[in-house]
Amino acid sequence: MYSHIQLAQQHIAELHAQADAHRLAADARPPRRELRTRVGWTLVELGLRLASTPNGTKPALA
């Protein structure tokens, strides 16, 4: 039973190390939120145009 506890603790330590490495890698990447935000709002606007047009007519795209 003691070996199971040791294995679990080792696994937890490995998971913590992986999480730390992931955090460091994510912090090193340049932020891409501006582009993601613009694309997201463009898709929302397009969806609203498509949803608000009557059947049979096509929306005017800018």
C-alpha atoms as a PDB file:
ATOM      1  CA  MET A   1       0.000   0.000   0.000  1.00  0.00           C
ATOM      2  CA  TYR A   2       2.867   2.332   0.762  1.00  0.00           C
ATOM      3  CA  SER A   3       4.155   1.952  -2.802  1.00  0.00           C
ATOM      4  CA  HIS A   4       0.802   3.186  -4.140  1.00  0.00           C
ATOM      5  CA  ILE A   5       1.114   6.353  -2.094  1.00  0.00           C
ATOM      6  CA  GLN A   6       4.651   6.917  -3.367  1.00  0.00           C
ATOM      7  CA  LEU A   7       3.551   6.404  -6.973  1.00  0.00           C
ATOM      8  CA  ALA A   8       0.643   8.793  -6.514  1.00  0.00           C
ATOM      9  CA  GLN A   9       2.910  11.448  -5.016  1.00  0.00           C
ATOM     10  CA  GLN A  10       5.394  11.014  -7.858  1.00  0.00           C
ATOM     11  CA  HIS A  11       2.602  11.346 -10.411  1.00  0.00           C
ATOM     12  CA  ILE A  12       1.322  14.488  -8.696  1.00  0.00           C
ATOM     13  CA  ALA A  13       4.826  15.983  -8.755  1.00  0.00           C
ATOM     14  CA  GLU A  14       5.116  15.220 -12.491  1.00  0.00           C
ATOM     15  CA  LEU A  15       1.739  16.844 -13.149  1.00  0.00           C
ATOM     16  CA  HIS A  16       2.800  19.951 -11.244  1.00  0.00           C
ATOM     17  CA  ALA A  17       6.031  20.112 -13.266  1.00  0.00           C
ATOM     18  CA  GLN A  18       4.092  19.795 -16.531  1.00  0.00           C
ATOM     19  CA  ALA A  19       1.681  22.527 -15.441  1.00  0.00           C
ATOM     20  CA  ASP A  20       4.572  24.828 -14.554  1.00  0.00           C
ATOM     21  CA  ALA A  21       6.220  24.192 -17.925  1.00  0.00           C
ATOM     22  CA  HIS A  22       2.949  24.901 -19.704  1.00  0.00           C
ATOM     23  CA  ARG A  23       2.483  28.161 -17.805  1.00  0.00           C
ATOM     24  CA  LEU A  24       6.002  29.286 -18.663  1.00  0.00           C
ATOM     25  CA  ALA A  25       5.504  28.456 -22.342  1.00  0.00           C
ATOM     26  CA  ALA A  26       2.147  30.265 -22.418  1.00  0.00           C
ATOM     27  CA  ASP A  27       3.702  33.358 -20.815  1.00  0.00           C
ATOM     28  CA  ALA A  28       6.507  33.388 -23.396  1.00  0.00           C
ATOM     29  CA  ARG A  29       4.100  33.443 -26.358  1.00  0.00           C
ATOM     30  CA  PRO A  30       3.056  36.819 -27.719  1.00  0.00           C
ATOM     31  CA  PRO A  31      -0.580  37.651 -27.047  1.00  0.00           C
ATOM     32  CA  ARG A  32      -2.943  36.940 -29.944  1.00  0.00           C
ATOM     33  CA  ARG A  33      -6.118  38.188 -28.319  1.00  0.00           C
ATOM     34  CA  GLU A  34      -6.506  41.290 -30.464  1.00  0.00           C
ATOM     35  CA  LEU A  35      -6.771  39.311 -33.698  1.00  0.00           C
ATOM     36  CA  ARG A  36      -8.956  36.677 -32.046  1.00  0.00           C
ATOM     37  CA  THR A  37     -11.284  39.380 -30.723  1.00  0.00           C
ATOM     38  CA  ARG A  38     -11.608  41.092 -34.112  1.00  0.00           C
ATOM     39  CA  VAL A  39     -12.319  37.820 -35.894  1.00  0.00           C
ATOM     40  CA  GLY A  40     -14.830  36.844 -33.222  1.00  0.00           C
ATOM     41  CA  TRP A  41     -16.785  40.078 -33.457  1.00  0.00           C
ATOM     42  CA  THR A  42     -16.721  39.892 -37.263  1.00  0.00           C
ATOM     43  CA  LEU A  43     -18.273  36.436 -37.089  1.00  0.00           C
ATOM     44  CA  VAL A  44     -20.901  37.679 -34.636  1.00  0.00           C
ATOM     45  CA  GLU A  45     -21.769  40.563 -36.945  1.00  0.00           C
ATOM     46  CA  LEU A  46     -22.011  38.241 -39.943  1.00  0.00           C
ATOM     47  CA  GLY A  47     -24.218  35.847 -37.984  1.00  0.00           C
ATOM     48  CA  LEU A  48     -26.519  38.667 -36.940  1.00  0.00           C
ATOM     49  CA  ARG A  49     -26.802  39.845 -40.543  1.00  0.00           C
ATOM     50  CA  LEU A  50     -27.669  36.357 -41.705  1.00  0.00           C
ATOM     51  CA  ALA A  51     -30.202  35.873 -38.924  1.00  0.00           C
ATOM     52  CA  SER A  52     -31.920  39.209 -39.447  1.00  0.00           C
ATOM     53  CA  THR A  53     -32.481  38.990 -43.213  1.00  0.00           C
ATOM     54  CA  PRO A  54     -35.831  37.805 -44.545  1.00  0.00           C
ATOM     55  CA  ASN A  55     -35.926  34.462 -46.348  1.00  0.00           C
ATOM     56  CA  GLY A  56     -35.037  34.609 -50.003  1.00  0.00           C
ATOM     57  CA  THR A  57     -32.805  37.698 -49.821  1.00  0.00           C
ATOM     58  CA  LYS A  58     -29.069  37.738 -49.410  1.00  0.00           C
ATOM     59  CA  PRO A  59     -27.372  40.095 -46.951  1.00  0.00           C
ATOM     60  CA  ALA A  60     -25.179  42.879 -48.293  1.00  0.00           C
ATOM     61  CA  LEU A  61     -21.637  42.180 -47.186  1.00  0.00           C
ATOM     62  CA  ALA A  62     -19.364  45.118 -46.508  1.00  0.00           C
END
